[in-house]
Structures are given as structure tokens and as C-alpha cells.
Amino acid sequence: MFHRALEECERAKGFIRENDMPGKGKAIDLAMRIVCELEASLDHDKAPDLASNLAKLYGFVQTSLQRASLELKEQPIDQAVKVLLLLRGAFAEAATKADAP
């Protein structure tokens, strides 16, 4: 899911550069929906602190994407991408460690 959200962020940046507002809107909307799904998958009962921290990060990503859409600027998307890349790396590392004997 992170990969697709990141792809849509990059597409949105291209659409902003091209002044393609419908394309920008669709790309940001899809990225936002993916982030909402990631946030909805959090289990606040099993890991309340982790879920709370991740929810804050997902909220930051959503706010950044909304700002980019409203302001027609790439910088907020770059900020969202940095967070998504960090999260993707952290989840990949955790999965590797979980699979290790």
C-alpha cells in the first residue's frame, strides 16, 4: 500500500507542474484513501501507543496532501513522501525481523 501511495504522490506532483487539476485531484484523492485505509487498520487495543503514534503520522500525511491540493505546491507532498518512506522502511524492517529465526 505504501508503494501505491508514494506513486500517487509523485503523480500528483507531476500534475501540479502540468497544471492538470483533475489529474492532481484524482492522484491526491487516491493517496489520501490509501493513507486512510492504513490508519483504519491500526489496532488501538493491541498496541495503543504504537497505534496512536502511527495515527498522528498518518494525520500529518493527510494534512500535507490537503495543503498541497489547496495551495498547488509540491513541498507538502515532499513532506508526506518523506514520512511514507520512513514508515515503509520501518514496516519492511519489522517484517524482516519477524521472519528471522
C-alpha atoms as a PDB file:
ATOM      1  CA  MET A   1       0.000   0.000   0.000  1.00  0.00           C
ATOM      2  CA  PHE A   2       2.870   2.367   0.760  1.00  0.00           C
ATOM      3  CA  HIS A   3       4.261   1.849  -2.737  1.00  0.00           C
ATOM      4  CA  ARG A   4       0.973   2.848  -4.370  1.00  0.00           C
ATOM      5  CA  ALA A   5       0.520   5.880  -2.096  1.00  0.00           C
ATOM      6  CA  LEU A   6       4.038   7.013  -2.991  1.00  0.00           C
ATOM      7  CA  GLU A   7       3.337   6.529  -6.697  1.00  0.00           C
ATOM      8  CA  GLU A   8       0.203   8.658  -6.421  1.00  0.00           C
ATOM      9  CA  CYS A   9       2.130  11.376  -4.590  1.00  0.00           C
ATOM     10  CA  GLU A  10       4.653  11.520  -7.418  1.00  0.00           C
ATOM     11  CA  ARG A  11       1.855  11.594  -9.982  1.00  0.00           C
ATOM     12  CA  ALA A  12       0.191  14.460  -8.087  1.00  0.00           C
ATOM     13  CA  LYS A  13       3.433  16.455  -8.188  1.00  0.00           C
ATOM     14  CA  GLY A  14       3.605  15.983 -11.942  1.00  0.00           C
ATOM     15  CA  PHE A  15       0.011  17.072 -12.350  1.00  0.00           C
ATOM     16  CA  ILE A  16       0.677  20.193 -10.261  1.00  0.00           C
ATOM     17  CA  ARG A  17       3.649  21.046 -12.506  1.00  0.00           C
ATOM     18  CA  GLU A  18       1.472  20.494 -15.591  1.00  0.00           C
ATOM     19  CA  ASN A  19      -1.406  22.479 -14.078  1.00  0.00           C
ATOM     20  CA  ASP A  20      -3.660  19.425 -14.546  1.00  0.00           C
ATOM     21  CA  MET A  21      -6.154  19.973 -11.748  1.00  0.00           C
ATOM     22  CA  PRO A  22      -8.378  16.935 -12.431  1.00  0.00           C
ATOM     23  CA  GLY A  23      -5.315  14.670 -12.517  1.00  0.00           C
ATOM     24  CA  LYS A  24      -3.919  16.243  -9.345  1.00  0.00           C
ATOM     25  CA  GLY A  25      -7.245  15.804  -7.620  1.00  0.00           C
ATOM     26  CA  LYS A  26      -7.514  12.122  -8.551  1.00  0.00           C
ATOM     27  CA  ALA A  27      -3.926  11.328  -7.534  1.00  0.00           C
ATOM     28  CA  ILE A  28      -4.171  13.098  -4.188  1.00  0.00           C
ATOM     29  CA  ASP A  29      -7.586  11.554  -3.541  1.00  0.00           C
ATOM     30  CA  LEU A  30      -6.241   8.053  -4.121  1.00  0.00           C
ATOM     31  CA  ALA A  31      -3.167   8.678  -1.962  1.00  0.00           C
ATOM     32  CA  MET A  32      -5.425  10.025   0.796  1.00  0.00           C
ATOM     33  CA  ARG A  33      -7.718   6.992   0.585  1.00  0.00           C
ATOM     34  CA  ILE A  34      -4.750   4.666   0.910  1.00  0.00           C
ATOM     35  CA  VAL A  35      -3.475   6.544   3.970  1.00  0.00           C
ATOM     36  CA  CYS A  36      -6.993   6.432   5.456  1.00  0.00           C
ATOM     37  CA  GLU A  37      -7.032   2.654   4.951  1.00  0.00           C
ATOM     38  CA  LEU A  38      -3.653   2.344   6.641  1.00  0.00           C
ATOM     39  CA  GLU A  39      -4.947   4.389   9.558  1.00  0.00           C
ATOM     40  CA  ALA A  40      -8.161   2.351   9.748  1.00  0.00           C
ATOM     41  CA  SER A  41      -6.099  -0.845  10.021  1.00  0.00           C
ATOM     42  CA  LEU A  42      -4.455   0.278  13.268  1.00  0.00           C
ATOM     43  CA  ASP A  43      -5.283  -1.871  16.284  1.00  0.00           C
ATOM     44  CA  HIS A  44      -5.552   0.556  19.181  1.00  0.00           C
ATOM     45  CA  ASP A  45      -6.416  -2.270  21.596  1.00  0.00           C
ATOM     46  CA  LYS A  46      -3.314  -4.399  20.978  1.00  0.00           C
ATOM     47  CA  ALA A  47      -0.758  -1.599  20.770  1.00  0.00           C
ATOM     48  CA  PRO A  48      -2.304   1.681  21.922  1.00  0.00           C
ATOM     49  CA  ASP A  49       0.911   3.729  21.987  1.00  0.00           C
ATOM     50  CA  LEU A  50       2.125   2.499  18.613  1.00  0.00           C
ATOM     51  CA  ALA A  51      -1.313   2.949  17.045  1.00  0.00           C
ATOM     52  CA  SER A  52      -1.582   6.463  18.450  1.00  0.00           C
ATOM     53  CA  ASN A  53       1.841   7.447  17.112  1.00  0.00           C
ATOM     54  CA  LEU A  54       1.107   5.967  13.694  1.00  0.00           C
ATOM     55  CA  ALA A  55      -2.271   7.724  13.604  1.00  0.00           C
ATOM     56  CA  LYS A  56      -0.510  11.035  14.206  1.00  0.00           C
ATOM     57  CA  LEU A  57       1.923  10.339  11.374  1.00  0.00           C
ATOM     58  CA  TYR A  58      -0.896   9.344   9.025  1.00  0.00           C
ATOM     59  CA  GLY A  59      -2.731  12.515  10.052  1.00  0.00           C
ATOM     60  CA  PHE A  60       0.331  14.568   9.171  1.00  0.00           C
ATOM     61  CA  VAL A  61       0.486  12.900   5.760  1.00  0.00           C
ATOM     62  CA  GLN A  62      -3.195  13.616   5.140  1.00  0.00           C
ATOM     63  CA  THR A  63      -2.841  17.253   6.203  1.00  0.00           C
ATOM     64  CA  SER A  64       0.206  17.665   3.967  1.00  0.00           C
ATOM     65  CA  LEU A  65      -1.640  16.229   0.979  1.00  0.00           C
ATOM     66  CA  GLN A  66      -4.625  18.501   1.617  1.00  0.00           C
ATOM     67  CA  ARG A  67      -2.295  21.519   1.793  1.00  0.00           C
ATOM     68  CA  ALA A  68      -0.647  20.519  -1.466  1.00  0.00           C
ATOM     69  CA  SER A  69      -4.024  20.219  -3.125  1.00  0.00           C
ATOM     70  CA  LEU A  70      -5.249  23.586  -1.880  1.00  0.00           C
ATOM     71  CA  GLU A  71      -2.018  25.527  -2.351  1.00  0.00           C
ATOM     72  CA  LEU A  72      -0.959  23.760  -5.561  1.00  0.00           C
ATOM     73  CA  LYS A  73       2.535  23.284  -4.183  1.00  0.00           C
ATOM     74  CA  GLU A  74       4.813  20.261  -4.304  1.00  0.00           C
ATOM     75  CA  GLN A  75       6.590  20.878  -0.988  1.00  0.00           C
ATOM     76  CA  PRO A  76       3.780  19.488   1.205  1.00  0.00           C
ATOM     77  CA  ILE A  77       3.769  16.358  -0.962  1.00  0.00           C
ATOM     78  CA  ASP A  78       7.525  16.038  -0.454  1.00  0.00           C
ATOM     79  CA  GLN A  79       6.944  16.186   3.305  1.00  0.00           C
ATOM     80  CA  ALA A  80       4.275  13.486   3.064  1.00  0.00           C
ATOM     81  CA  VAL A  81       6.563  11.333   0.921  1.00  0.00           C
ATOM     82  CA  LYS A  82       9.367  11.545   3.499  1.00  0.00           C
ATOM     83  CA  VAL A  83       7.053  10.224   6.201  1.00  0.00           C
ATOM     84  CA  LEU A  84       5.654   7.489   3.965  1.00  0.00           C
ATOM     85  CA  LEU A  85       9.166   6.367   3.012  1.00  0.00           C
ATOM     86  CA  LEU A  86      10.207   6.201   6.664  1.00  0.00           C
ATOM     87  CA  LEU A  87       7.109   4.200   7.554  1.00  0.00           C
ATOM     88  CA  ARG A  88       7.545   1.846   4.612  1.00  0.00           C
ATOM     89  CA  GLY A  89      11.148   1.215   5.644  1.00  0.00           C
ATOM     90  CA  ALA A  90      10.212   0.651   9.268  1.00  0.00           C
ATOM     91  CA  PHE A  91       7.475  -1.828   8.363  1.00  0.00           C
ATOM     92  CA  ALA A  92       9.802  -3.663   5.955  1.00  0.00           C
ATOM     93  CA  GLU A  93      12.475  -3.905   8.648  1.00  0.00           C
ATOM     94  CA  ALA A  94       9.945  -5.155  11.209  1.00  0.00           C
ATOM     95  CA  ALA A  95       8.695  -7.791   8.769  1.00  0.00           C
ATOM     96  CA  THR A  96      12.263  -8.956   8.103  1.00  0.00           C
ATOM     97  CA  LYS A  97      12.946  -9.280  11.818  1.00  0.00           C
ATOM     98  CA  ALA A  98       9.676 -11.112  12.379  1.00  0.00           C
ATOM     99  CA  ASP A  99      10.615 -13.638   9.675  1.00  0.00           C
ATOM    100  CA  ALA A 100      14.098 -14.213  11.085  1.00  0.00           C
ATOM    101  CA  PRO A 101      14.618 -17.412  13.087  1.00  0.00           C
END
